[in-house]
Structures are given as C-alpha cells and as structure tokens.
C-alpha atoms as a PDB file:
ATOM      1  CA  MET A   1      39.783  66.566 -30.938  1.00  0.00           C
ATOM      2  CA  SER A   2      42.069  66.486 -27.983  1.00  0.00           C
ATOM      3  CA  PRO A   3      40.398  64.792 -24.892  1.00  0.00           C
ATOM      4  CA  ILE A   4      42.752  66.697 -22.693  1.00  0.00           C
ATOM      5  CA  ARG A   5      41.561  70.086 -24.215  1.00  0.00           C
ATOM      6  CA  GLN A   6      37.988  69.128 -24.176  1.00  0.00           C
ATOM      7  CA  LYS A   7      38.357  68.373 -20.425  1.00  0.00           C
ATOM      8  CA  ALA A   8      39.753  71.948 -20.026  1.00  0.00           C
ATOM      9  CA  ALA A   9      36.754  73.159 -21.648  1.00  0.00           C
ATOM     10  CA  HIS A  10      34.275  71.389 -19.196  1.00  0.00           C
ATOM     11  CA  GLY A  11      36.289  72.130 -16.144  1.00  0.00           C
ATOM     12  CA  LEU A  12      39.151  70.728 -14.191  1.00  0.00           C
ATOM     13  CA  GLN A  13      39.074  69.433 -10.633  1.00  0.00           C
ATOM     14  CA  ALA A  14      41.275  68.018  -8.096  1.00  0.00           C
ATOM     15  CA  GLY A  15      41.994  64.146  -8.976  1.00  0.00           C
ATOM     16  CA  ASP A  16      41.960  64.779 -12.775  1.00  0.00           C
ATOM     17  CA  VAL A  17      44.944  62.892 -14.238  1.00  0.00           C
ATOM     18  CA  PHE A  18      46.479  63.206 -17.638  1.00  0.00           C
ATOM     19  CA  SER A  19      49.297  61.204 -19.324  1.00  0.00           C
ATOM     20  CA  VAL A  20      51.344  61.646 -22.383  1.00  0.00           C
ATOM     21  CA  THR A  21      54.284  59.300 -23.591  1.00  0.00           C
ATOM     22  CA  ARG A  22      57.120  59.999 -25.946  1.00  0.00           C
ATOM     23  CA  THR A  23      60.359  58.454 -26.863  1.00  0.00           C
ATOM     24  CA  PHE A  24      63.042  61.128 -27.734  1.00  0.00           C
ATOM     25  CA  SER A  25      65.860  60.513 -30.245  1.00  0.00           C
ATOM     26  CA  ARG A  26      69.500  61.586 -30.236  1.00  0.00           C
ATOM     27  CA  GLU A  27      68.542  64.286 -33.041  1.00  0.00           C
ATOM     28  CA  GLU A  28      65.771  65.807 -30.831  1.00  0.00           C
ATOM     29  CA  THR A  29      68.350  66.111 -27.885  1.00  0.00           C
ATOM     30  CA  GLU A  30      70.876  67.804 -30.230  1.00  0.00           C
ATOM     31  CA  ALA A  31      68.016  70.141 -31.583  1.00  0.00           C
ATOM     32  CA  PHE A  32      67.107  71.048 -27.942  1.00  0.00           C
ATOM     33  CA  GLY A  33      70.779  71.705 -27.225  1.00  0.00           C
ATOM     34  CA  GLU A  34      71.139  73.967 -30.214  1.00  0.00           C
ATOM     35  CA  LEU A  35      68.037  76.077 -29.116  1.00  0.00           C
ATOM     36  CA  THR A  36      69.099  76.272 -25.377  1.00  0.00           C
ATOM     37  CA  ARG A  37      72.723  76.397 -26.141  1.00  0.00           C
ATOM     38  CA  ASP A  38      73.376  73.531 -23.552  1.00  0.00           C
ATOM     39  CA  TYR A  39      76.401  71.887 -24.689  1.00  0.00           C
ATOM     40  CA  ASN A  40      77.169  69.855 -21.617  1.00  0.00           C
ATOM     41  CA  PRO A  41      79.393  66.926 -22.643  1.00  0.00           C
ATOM     42  CA  VAL A  42      77.129  64.313 -21.068  1.00  0.00           C
ATOM     43  CA  HIS A  43      74.781  64.905 -23.995  1.00  0.00           C
ATOM     44  CA  TYR A  44      77.498  64.651 -26.732  1.00  0.00           C
ATOM     45  CA  ASP A  45      80.640  63.044 -25.647  1.00  0.00           C
ATOM     46  CA  PRO A  46      80.471  59.282 -24.876  1.00  0.00           C
ATOM     47  CA  GLU A  47      83.685  59.179 -22.990  1.00  0.00           C
ATOM     48  CA  TRP A  48      82.594  62.176 -20.659  1.00  0.00           C
ATOM     49  CA  ALA A  49      79.200  60.431 -20.108  1.00  0.00           C
ATOM     50  CA  SER A  50      81.194  57.389 -19.105  1.00  0.00           C
ATOM     51  CA  ALA A  51      83.538  59.207 -16.808  1.00  0.00           C
ATOM     52  CA  LYS A  52      80.373  60.409 -14.978  1.00  0.00           C
ATOM     53  CA  GLY A  53      79.113  56.851 -14.479  1.00  0.00           C
ATOM     54  CA  LEU A  54      76.477  56.973 -17.157  1.00  0.00           C
ATOM     55  CA  SER A  55      76.132  53.965 -19.441  1.00  0.00           C
ATOM     56  CA  GLY A  56      75.588  56.352 -22.535  1.00  0.00           C
ATOM     57  CA  LEU A  57      74.835  59.875 -23.617  1.00  0.00           C
ATOM     58  CA  ILE A  58      71.739  61.209 -21.909  1.00  0.00           C
ATOM     59  CA  LEU A  59      68.770  63.634 -22.811  1.00  0.00           C
ATOM     60  CA  HIS A  60      68.788  67.123 -21.498  1.00  0.00           C
ATOM     61  CA  GLY A  61      66.851  67.087 -18.220  1.00  0.00           C
ATOM     62  CA  LEU A  62      64.717  70.028 -19.295  1.00  0.00           C
ATOM     63  CA  LEU A  63      63.773  68.292 -22.479  1.00  0.00           C
ATOM     64  CA  THR A  64      62.426  65.409 -20.515  1.00  0.00           C
ATOM     65  CA  ALA A  65      60.723  67.626 -18.008  1.00  0.00           C
ATOM     66  CA  GLY A  66      59.338  69.715 -20.678  1.00  0.00           C
ATOM     67  CA  MET A  67      56.711  67.011 -21.432  1.00  0.00           C
ATOM     68  CA  VAL A  68      54.509  68.730 -18.843  1.00  0.00           C
ATOM     69  CA  CYS A  69      54.115  71.419 -21.412  1.00  0.00           C
ATOM     70  CA  GLN A  70      52.292  69.151 -23.802  1.00  0.00           C
ATOM     71  CA  VAL A  71      49.656  68.597 -21.018  1.00  0.00           C
ATOM     72  CA  GLY A  72      49.727  72.062 -19.886  1.00  0.00           C
ATOM     73  CA  GLY A  73      49.422  73.412 -23.344  1.00  0.00           C
ATOM     74  CA  GLN A  74      46.341  71.123 -24.188  1.00  0.00           C
ATOM     75  CA  LEU A  75      44.802  72.414 -20.792  1.00  0.00           C
ATOM     76  CA  ALA A  76      45.461  75.997 -21.705  1.00  0.00           C
ATOM     77  CA  TRP A  77      47.392  76.191 -18.241  1.00  0.00           C
ATOM     78  CA  LEU A  78      49.095  79.426 -17.617  1.00  0.00           C
ATOM     79  CA  ALA A  79      51.967  78.394 -15.569  1.00  0.00           C
ATOM     80  CA  THR A  80      53.304  80.640 -12.851  1.00  0.00           C
ATOM     81  CA  GLU A  81      55.613  78.153 -11.103  1.00  0.00           C
ATOM     82  CA  MET A  82      57.355  74.830 -12.040  1.00  0.00           C
ATOM     83  CA  SER A  83      59.692  72.786 -10.237  1.00  0.00           C
ATOM     84  CA  PHE A  84      61.565  69.512 -11.121  1.00  0.00           C
ATOM     85  CA  ALA A  85      63.723  66.906  -9.263  1.00  0.00           C
ATOM     86  CA  PHE A  86      65.903  64.675 -11.710  1.00  0.00           C
ATOM     87  CA  LYS A  87      66.056  61.054 -10.179  1.00  0.00           C
ATOM     88  CA  LYS A  88      67.539  58.924 -12.915  1.00  0.00           C
ATOM     89  CA  ALA A  89      69.192  59.546 -16.302  1.00  0.00           C
ATOM     90  CA  VAL A  90      67.217  59.415 -19.550  1.00  0.00           C
ATOM     91  CA  TYR A  91      68.874  57.866 -22.517  1.00  0.00           C
ATOM     92  CA  PHE A  92      68.332  58.286 -26.128  1.00  0.00           C
ATOM     93  CA  GLY A  93      65.456  55.799 -27.078  1.00  0.00           C
ATOM     94  CA  ASP A  94      63.948  55.609 -23.657  1.00  0.00           C
ATOM     95  CA  THR A  95      60.155  55.757 -23.622  1.00  0.00           C
ATOM     96  CA  ILE A  96      58.901  58.259 -20.968  1.00  0.00           C
ATOM     97  CA  THR A  97      55.437  58.641 -19.616  1.00  0.00           C
ATOM     98  CA  CYS A  98      54.570  61.893 -17.853  1.00  0.00           C
ATOM     99  CA  THR A  99      51.591  61.611 -15.599  1.00  0.00           C
ATOM    100  CA  VAL A 100      49.952  64.919 -14.390  1.00  0.00           C
ATOM    101  CA  THR A 101      47.584  64.987 -11.478  1.00  0.00           C
ATOM    102  CA  ILE A 102      45.590  68.066 -10.513  1.00  0.00           C
ATOM    103  CA  THR A 103      45.850  68.431  -6.803  1.00  0.00           C
ATOM    104  CA  SER A 104      43.808  71.592  -6.403  1.00  0.00           C
ATOM    105  CA  VAL A 105      41.763  74.051  -8.361  1.00  0.00           C
ATOM    106  CA  ASP A 106      39.820  77.054  -6.861  1.00  0.00           C
ATOM    107  CA  GLN A 107      36.760  78.762  -8.311  1.00  0.00           C
ATOM    108  CA  ARG A 108      39.034  81.411 -10.025  1.00  0.00           C
ATOM    109  CA  GLY A 109      40.957  78.800 -12.027  1.00  0.00           C
ATOM    110  CA  TRP A 110      44.193  78.945  -9.772  1.00  0.00           C
ATOM    111  CA  ALA A 111      45.478  75.339  -9.676  1.00  0.00           C
ATOM    112  CA  GLN A 112      48.298  73.083  -8.638  1.00  0.00           C
ATOM    113  CA  ALA A 113      49.444  69.831 -10.184  1.00  0.00           C
ATOM    114  CA  GLU A 114      52.095  67.219  -9.449  1.00  0.00           C
ATOM    115  CA  ALA A 115      54.079  65.387 -12.346  1.00  0.00           C
ATOM    116  CA  VAL A 116      55.604  61.953 -12.234  1.00  0.00           C
ATOM    117  CA  TYR A 117      57.800  60.777 -15.235  1.00  0.00           C
ATOM    118  CA  THR A 118      58.505  57.071 -15.423  1.00  0.00           C
ATOM    119  CA  ASN A 119      60.588  55.194 -18.172  1.00  0.00           C
ATOM    120  CA  GLN A 120      59.798  52.060 -19.976  1.00  0.00           C
ATOM    121  CA  ASN A 121      60.776  50.080 -17.039  1.00  0.00           C
ATOM    122  CA  GLY A 122      58.649  51.753 -14.643  1.00  0.00           C
ATOM    123  CA  GLU A 123      61.392  53.582 -12.819  1.00  0.00           C
ATOM    124  CA  VAL A 124      60.660  57.278 -11.694  1.00  0.00           C
ATOM    125  CA  VAL A 125      63.090  59.476 -13.673  1.00  0.00           C
ATOM    126  CA  VAL A 126      61.742  62.907 -12.777  1.00  0.00           C
ATOM    127  CA  THR A 127      59.135  64.328 -10.478  1.00  0.00           C
ATOM    128  CA  GLY A 128      57.781  67.775 -10.525  1.00  0.00           C
ATOM    129  CA  GLY A 129      55.123  70.387  -9.834  1.00  0.00           C
ATOM    130  CA  MET A 130      53.403  73.191 -11.242  1.00  0.00           C
ATOM    131  CA  ALA A 131      51.093  76.076 -10.176  1.00  0.00           C
ATOM    132  CA  GLY A 132      49.107  78.430 -12.318  1.00  0.00           C
ATOM    133  CA  GLN A 133      45.798  79.532 -13.906  1.00  0.00           C
ATOM    134  CA  VAL A 134      43.624  77.060 -15.707  1.00  0.00           C
ATOM    135  CA  PRO A 135      40.553  78.035 -17.865  1.00  0.00           C
ATOM    136  CA  ALA A 136      37.562  79.141 -15.693  1.00  0.00           C
ATOM    137  CA  GLY A 137      34.349  80.913 -16.543  1.00  0.00           C
ATOM    138  CA  ALA A 138      34.805  82.905 -19.751  1.00  0.00           C
ATOM    139  CA  ASP A 139      37.836  81.140 -20.637  1.00  0.00           C
ATOM    140  CA  GLN A 140      36.191  77.793 -20.701  1.00  0.00           C
ATOM    141  CA  GLU A 141      33.534  79.323 -22.966  1.00  0.00           C
ATOM    142  CA  LEU A 142      36.342  80.610 -25.331  1.00  0.00           C
ATOM    143  CA  ILE A 143      37.881  77.049 -25.484  1.00  0.00           C
ATOM    144  CA  ARG A 144      34.494  75.638 -26.259  1.00  0.00           C
ATOM    145  CA  ARG A 145      34.178  77.870 -29.077  1.00  0.00           C
ATOM    146  CA  ARG A 146      37.605  77.131 -30.433  1.00  0.00           C
ATOM    147  CA  LEU A 147      36.862  73.275 -30.212  1.00  0.00           C
ATOM    148  CA  GLU A 148      33.710  74.057 -32.366  1.00  0.00           C
ATOM    149  CA  GLN A 149      35.859  75.587 -34.877  1.00  0.00           C
ATOM    150  CA  GLY A 150      38.063  72.515 -34.854  1.00  0.00           C
ATOM    151  CA  ASP A 151      40.618  73.801 -32.530  1.00  0.00           C
ATOM    152  CA  PRO A 152      42.537  75.620 -35.377  1.00  0.00           C
ATOM    153  CA  TYR A 153      45.777  76.548 -33.243  1.00  0.00           C
ATOM    154  CA  ASN A 154      46.194  73.002 -31.720  1.00  0.00           C
ATOM    155  CA  ARG A 155      48.757  70.811 -33.731  1.00  0.00           C
ATOM    156  CA  LEU A 156      48.060  68.051 -31.364  1.00  0.00           C
ATOM    157  CA  PRO A 157      44.319  67.379 -31.986  1.00  0.00           C
ATOM    158  CA  ASN A 158      44.462  63.741 -30.729  1.00  0.00           C
ATOM    159  CA  SER A 159      46.787  64.040 -27.712  1.00  0.00           C
END
C-alpha cells in the first residue's frame, strides 16, 4: 500500500514531506510530445539543441514538472493552482527527485505546497508550488475505506 496515500487517509499537516524519483527516457519524452503536440526542436533535433547551448536533447519541461502529479495523485490532492520555474535543462537519462513539502493546511483541507526538483548531481532543475484541496473529514474516511479494499484504483501501490 502506498505510504503517501496512507498519510492522506490519516491527515496532512504543514511540514509533511514526500519525495518521488524517476529517470525519464527519450521514448517517454517523445510520447509526451505526441500527447501534447509539443514538437519544439530542442527535444528532437540535436543540431537545434546545440545551437541553443544545450549539450544534448532535453525533456519537455512539463514532463519533468509533472512529477508533482504522482505525489498529488497519491494524496488525492485536487489542485486549483500550480506554478513552475525551470532552472536547468533535464536530459534523457537524468534521474530527478521531486520533493514536495506541505506548507499549510486548514481545517477544511485547503492546502499549499512547495516542490523542489533535483537531478542526480544535486542540482535544482525545477521549483514549483501548488494549492488546492486535500482530503479532510469525510474524504479521509473514504480513502481509508478504499485502502481497506486494497486501493483498487491506484496503479502505484508502493509509491
């Protein structure tokens, strides 16, 4: 069972921290480009990427930033606002860790969080923030029931 989802079922508070790590392949970036129709040459054309001062092809920024969705999804966070700042390029094969820190939660479940993404060298590549609603009250009870049922809609049970 997902420890992140379990925490959502028992209540979130300011200071809670969650991290996920992922290494993206060129194929995943190309699939993301197909879904979003983002065919910027920095993702596909090595000569173009070099002309932009990059040492190779780079991931789509929103593919990297989207890692926050793994944490948010496990928390059953209904996001109403997200923002990102892209600090450094992310290359195929880079291993990225997204660390989300809850900065505030009120009694109704309205919350804010900050996210910091680092590469395998410890360099910050993206920063971000999000706001929205996390489970509170009856929502927490519903998540607890789903966990008792084996969390049937969660494809990442151990994340």
